[in-house]
Protein backbone atom coordinates (compact mmCIF):
# COMPACT_ATOMS: atom_id res chain seq x y z
CA UNK A 1 -18.01 9.11 -4.27
CA UNK A 2 -15.46 6.62 -5.60
CA UNK A 3 -15.41 3.03 -4.39
CA UNK A 4 -12.63 0.46 -4.65
CA UNK A 5 -13.72 -3.17 -4.43
CA UNK A 6 -11.24 -5.90 -3.50
CA UNK A 7 -12.18 -9.61 -3.33
CA UNK A 8 -10.12 -11.60 -0.83
CA UNK A 9 -9.86 -15.25 0.17
CA UNK A 10 -7.43 -15.87 3.06
CA UNK A 11 -5.20 -12.91 2.18
CA UNK A 12 -3.98 -11.89 5.65
CA UNK A 13 -0.37 -11.80 4.43
CA UNK A 14 -1.02 -9.38 1.58
CA UNK A 15 -4.28 -7.49 2.06
CA UNK A 16 -2.81 -4.87 4.37
CA UNK A 17 -0.36 -3.62 1.76
CA UNK A 18 -3.13 -3.61 -0.85
CA UNK A 19 -5.60 -1.62 1.25
CA UNK A 20 -2.93 0.85 2.37
CA UNK A 21 -1.91 1.51 -1.23
CA UNK A 22 -5.53 2.07 -2.26
CA UNK A 23 -6.07 4.46 0.65
CA UNK A 24 -2.99 6.41 -0.43
CA UNK A 25 -4.37 6.60 -3.99
CA UNK A 26 -7.61 7.91 -2.54
CA UNK A 27 -5.77 10.87 -1.03
CA UNK A 28 -4.35 12.14 -4.32
CA UNK A 29 -4.71 15.94 -4.47
CA UNK A 30 -6.17 15.70 -7.98
CA UNK A 31 -9.28 14.02 -6.53
CA UNK A 32 -10.02 17.32 -4.77
CA UNK A 33 -11.17 15.66 -1.58
CA UNK A 34 -13.80 13.39 -3.16
CA UNK A 35 -14.65 10.54 -0.80
CA UNK A 36 -13.02 7.21 -1.59
CA UNK A 37 -14.32 4.12 0.18
CA UNK A 38 -12.55 0.76 0.21
CA UNK A 39 -14.71 -2.36 0.27
CA UNK A 40 -12.97 -5.69 0.82
CA UNK A 41 -15.17 -8.73 0.23
CA UNK A 42 -13.79 -11.46 2.47
CA UNK A 43 -14.91 -14.60 0.69
CA UNK A 44 -14.81 -17.80 2.77
CA UNK A 45 -11.89 -16.50 4.84
CA UNK A 46 -10.58 -18.55 7.75
CA UNK A 47 -7.69 -16.25 8.66
CA UNK A 48 -7.39 -12.68 9.90
CA UNK A 49 -8.11 -10.92 6.61
CA UNK A 50 -11.21 -9.12 7.91
CA UNK A 51 -9.48 -7.99 11.11
CA UNK A 52 -6.64 -6.42 9.14
CA UNK A 53 -9.04 -4.68 6.77
CA UNK A 54 -11.13 -3.22 9.58
CA UNK A 55 -8.05 -2.15 11.56
CA UNK A 56 -7.05 -0.06 8.55
CA UNK A 57 -10.44 1.62 8.49
CA UNK A 58 -11.78 -0.10 5.37
CA UNK A 59 -15.08 -1.95 5.09
CA UNK A 60 -15.06 -5.75 5.20
CA UNK A 61 -18.03 -7.73 3.87
CA UNK A 62 -18.07 -11.41 4.76
CA UNK A 63 -19.50 -13.83 2.19
CA UNK A 64 -19.19 -17.56 1.60
CA UNK A 65 -19.26 -17.82 -2.15
CA UNK A 66 -15.75 -19.03 -2.98
CA UNK A 67 -16.44 -17.33 -6.27
CA UNK A 68 -14.65 -14.17 -7.37
CA UNK A 69 -17.42 -13.05 -9.72
CA UNK A 70 -19.99 -13.17 -6.94
CA UNK A 71 -17.56 -11.49 -4.54
CA UNK A 72 -16.85 -8.58 -6.88
CA UNK A 73 -20.58 -8.20 -7.56
CA UNK A 74 -21.37 -8.12 -3.83
CA UNK A 75 -18.77 -5.43 -3.24
CA UNK A 76 -20.01 -3.41 -6.19
CA UNK A 77 -23.61 -3.66 -4.93
CA UNK A 78 -22.53 -2.36 -1.52
CA UNK A 79 -20.69 0.54 -3.15
CA UNK A 80 -23.56 1.42 -5.45
CA UNK A 81 -26.01 1.41 -2.54
CA UNK A 82 -23.72 3.93 -0.85
CA UNK A 83 -23.86 6.21 -3.90
CA UNK A 84 -20.59 5.46 -5.71
CA UNK A 85 -20.28 7.07 -9.14
CA UNK A 86 -17.09 5.20 -10.08
CA UNK A 87 -16.12 1.62 -9.24
CA UNK A 88 -12.47 0.61 -9.26
CA UNK A 89 -11.39 -3.00 -8.83
CA UNK A 90 -8.13 -4.58 -7.78
CA UNK A 91 -6.97 -7.78 -6.05
CA UNK A 92 -5.72 -8.44 -2.55
CA UNK A 93 -2.28 -9.53 -3.81
CA UNK A 94 -1.85 -6.24 -5.68
CA UNK A 95 -0.44 -2.82 -4.77
CA UNK A 96 -1.69 0.20 -6.68
CA UNK A 97 0.22 3.37 -7.50
CA UNK A 98 -0.59 6.65 -5.70
CA UNK A 99 -1.91 8.01 -9.03
CA UNK A 100 -4.00 4.92 -9.81
CA UNK A 101 -7.47 6.39 -9.36
CA UNK A 102 -6.52 9.72 -10.90
CA UNK A 103 -5.14 7.91 -13.95
CA UNK A 104 -8.38 5.95 -14.38
CA UNK A 105 -10.60 9.03 -14.17
CA UNK A 106 -8.37 11.02 -16.53
CA UNK A 107 -9.28 8.65 -19.36
CA UNK A 108 -12.80 10.16 -19.33
CA UNK A 109 -14.18 6.81 -20.49
CA UNK A 110 -17.02 4.59 -19.32
CA UNK A 111 -14.50 1.93 -18.32
CA UNK A 112 -10.73 1.64 -18.08
CA UNK A 113 -8.67 -1.52 -18.52
CA UNK A 114 -5.15 -1.15 -17.13
CA UNK A 115 -2.04 -3.29 -17.24
CA UNK A 116 -0.22 -5.14 -14.47
CA UNK A 117 3.46 -5.32 -13.57
CA UNK A 118 5.25 -8.03 -11.59
CA UNK A 119 8.30 -7.25 -9.50
CA UNK A 120 8.84 -10.52 -7.59
CA UNK A 121 9.43 -13.55 -9.81
CA UNK A 122 10.91 -15.83 -7.14
CA UNK A 123 8.30 -18.53 -7.82
CA UNK A 124 9.45 -18.76 -11.45
CA UNK A 125 12.90 -17.30 -12.00
CA UNK A 126 14.62 -15.22 -14.64
CA UNK A 127 13.25 -17.12 -17.64
CA UNK A 128 9.68 -16.01 -16.91
CA UNK A 129 10.78 -12.52 -15.89
CA UNK A 130 12.52 -12.02 -19.21
CA UNK A 131 9.70 -13.57 -21.19
CA UNK A 132 7.10 -11.36 -19.53
CA UNK A 133 9.17 -8.27 -20.23
CA UNK A 134 9.42 -9.25 -23.90
CA UNK A 135 5.89 -10.45 -24.59
CA UNK A 136 3.52 -8.46 -22.36
CA UNK A 137 2.08 -5.29 -23.91
CA UNK A 138 2.46 -2.57 -21.28
CA UNK A 139 1.42 0.48 -23.28
CA UNK A 140 -1.70 2.33 -24.34
CA UNK A 141 -3.81 0.41 -26.80
CA UNK A 142 -3.12 -2.97 -25.19
CA UNK A 143 -5.96 -5.48 -25.01
CA UNK A 144 -5.33 -6.98 -21.58
CA UNK A 145 -8.18 -7.37 -19.10
CA UNK A 146 -7.23 -7.70 -15.43
CA UNK A 147 -9.54 -7.64 -12.44
CA UNK A 148 -6.53 -6.25 -10.59
CA UNK A 149 -6.64 -3.04 -12.63
CA UNK A 150 -10.13 -2.19 -13.80
CA UNK A 151 -12.43 0.80 -13.43
CA UNK A 152 -15.98 1.52 -14.59
CA UNK A 153 -18.56 4.23 -14.05
CA UNK A 154 -21.63 3.16 -12.12
CA UNK A 155 -24.08 3.77 -14.96
CA UNK A 156 -22.09 1.69 -17.45
CA UNK A 157 -21.61 -1.11 -14.91
CA UNK A 158 -25.35 -1.36 -14.30
CA UNK A 159 -26.18 -1.11 -17.99
CA UNK A 160 -23.83 -4.03 -18.72
CA UNK A 161 -25.41 -6.18 -16.03
CA UNK A 162 -22.49 -6.23 -13.59
CA UNK A 163 -20.22 -9.15 -12.83
CA UNK A 164 -21.37 -12.62 -13.70
CA UNK A 165 -21.08 -15.38 -11.04
CA UNK A 166 -17.91 -16.86 -12.54
CA UNK A 167 -14.97 -18.41 -10.69
CA UNK A 168 -12.58 -17.03 -13.32
CA UNK A 169 -12.70 -14.57 -16.23
CA UNK A 170 -15.46 -12.54 -14.60
CA UNK A 171 -13.47 -9.45 -15.57
CA UNK A 172 -13.35 -10.50 -19.23
CA UNK A 173 -17.09 -11.20 -19.23
CA UNK A 174 -17.81 -7.75 -17.78
CA UNK A 175 -15.65 -5.92 -20.30
CA UNK A 176 -17.24 -7.85 -23.18
CA UNK A 177 -20.68 -6.92 -21.84
CA UNK A 178 -19.60 -3.29 -21.53
CA UNK A 179 -18.46 -3.25 -25.15
CA UNK A 180 -21.68 -4.93 -26.28
CA UNK A 181 -23.70 -2.28 -24.43
CA UNK A 182 -21.92 0.51 -26.28
CA UNK A 183 -19.66 1.63 -23.46
CA UNK A 184 -16.47 3.50 -24.27
CA UNK A 185 -13.55 1.43 -22.98
CA UNK A 186 -10.06 2.94 -22.59
CA UNK A 187 -7.14 0.52 -22.88
CA UNK A 188 -4.56 2.45 -20.90
CA UNK A 189 -1.20 1.74 -19.31
CA UNK A 190 -1.43 4.87 -17.17
CA UNK A 191 -3.18 3.34 -14.13
CA UNK A 192 -0.29 1.42 -12.56
CA UNK A 193 -0.46 -1.65 -10.31
CA UNK A 194 2.02 -4.30 -9.22
CA UNK A 195 0.61 -7.77 -8.71
CA UNK A 196 2.03 -11.11 -7.58
CA UNK A 197 3.24 -14.05 -9.63
CA UNK A 198 2.54 -16.54 -6.88
CA UNK A 199 1.85 -20.18 -7.62
CA UNK A 200 -0.78 -20.45 -4.89
CA UNK A 201 -3.15 -18.19 -6.83
CA UNK A 202 -6.87 -17.94 -6.04
CA UNK A 203 -8.76 -17.81 -9.36
CA UNK A 204 -8.56 -21.22 -11.10
CA UNK A 205 -8.07 -19.69 -14.56
CA UNK A 206 -6.81 -16.19 -13.81
CA UNK A 207 -3.45 -14.43 -14.19
CA UNK A 208 -1.60 -16.83 -11.89
CA UNK A 209 -2.98 -19.84 -13.72
CA UNK A 210 -1.86 -18.35 -17.03
CA UNK A 211 1.69 -17.93 -15.75
CA UNK A 212 1.74 -21.49 -14.44
CA UNK A 213 0.47 -22.85 -17.76
CA UNK A 214 3.07 -20.88 -19.73
CA UNK A 215 5.83 -22.13 -17.45
CA UNK A 216 4.68 -25.76 -17.79
CA UNK A 217 4.61 -25.46 -21.58
CA UNK A 218 8.10 -24.00 -21.56
CA UNK A 219 9.40 -26.83 -19.39
CA UNK A 220 8.03 -29.42 -21.81
CA UNK A 221 9.04 -27.75 -25.05
CA UNK A 222 12.01 -25.63 -24.08
CA UNK A 223 10.19 -22.57 -25.41
CA UNK A 224 8.07 -19.99 -23.66
CA UNK A 225 4.68 -19.14 -25.21
CA UNK A 226 3.23 -15.63 -24.99
CA UNK A 227 1.47 -14.64 -21.75
C-alpha cells in the first residue's frame, strides 16, 4: 500500500484540488491497482477542511498541534499502522501531476526529493516569476527539499527517526537524517507538482517565507537574490 500524507491548517479553499489530484495520481495504470490511501492531517482547523476531505473519500485526522512536523509525523504514523510501504508527502496548497507517484517509485531509491513549480504569481508579479525561472534548479541532480514533493519508503523513514516536531524545515531535517542513516536519496525533477506562491503561507520559514524574504530584499536593494 502507498500512502499520501497532507498536513492542512484552514485549507478549505485549496485542499479539494490537492486531494483530487492525489487521488488521480493513485489511479495511474503503472501502479497496477496497488491501494493508495490519502491521509489529510487537519491541524487546528476552524473551517471546513475536514468536511471537504471526507466528502472526497480521503481520511481526515484532526490534531491541535499547529506544528507541521508533528502533523506530518501523525499522518505518517497512521499510514504505517495501516501497512503502507511507501510514504509520499505534499501540501494542501499543491496539485500533483497524474504521474507523480509513478515518478517517485521509478527512482528505485529509499527517498525521492522532487522540485516544485509555480504557475500563479499574482501575489508577486513578473519580477519574481522571471527570477524564479532563472534561478530555480528544476532538473535532475538539484538539491531542493520540499515537503510538497517528497517520498520515502517506510523502512528508511523509520530508520531515520521520522519527522521532528518542527514548525518549519521538518522536511530538511528528515532528509538530512535519511542521508546520515545511509539511505539512498534521489534528487529528481520527474515527480511534478505545482504549488502556490501565496503570501499568507502556513510554515513560518518554509517556501512561502523564502519567497517573501527574497521579494523584500529585492525591494530594498533593487536586486533579486537566489531562491
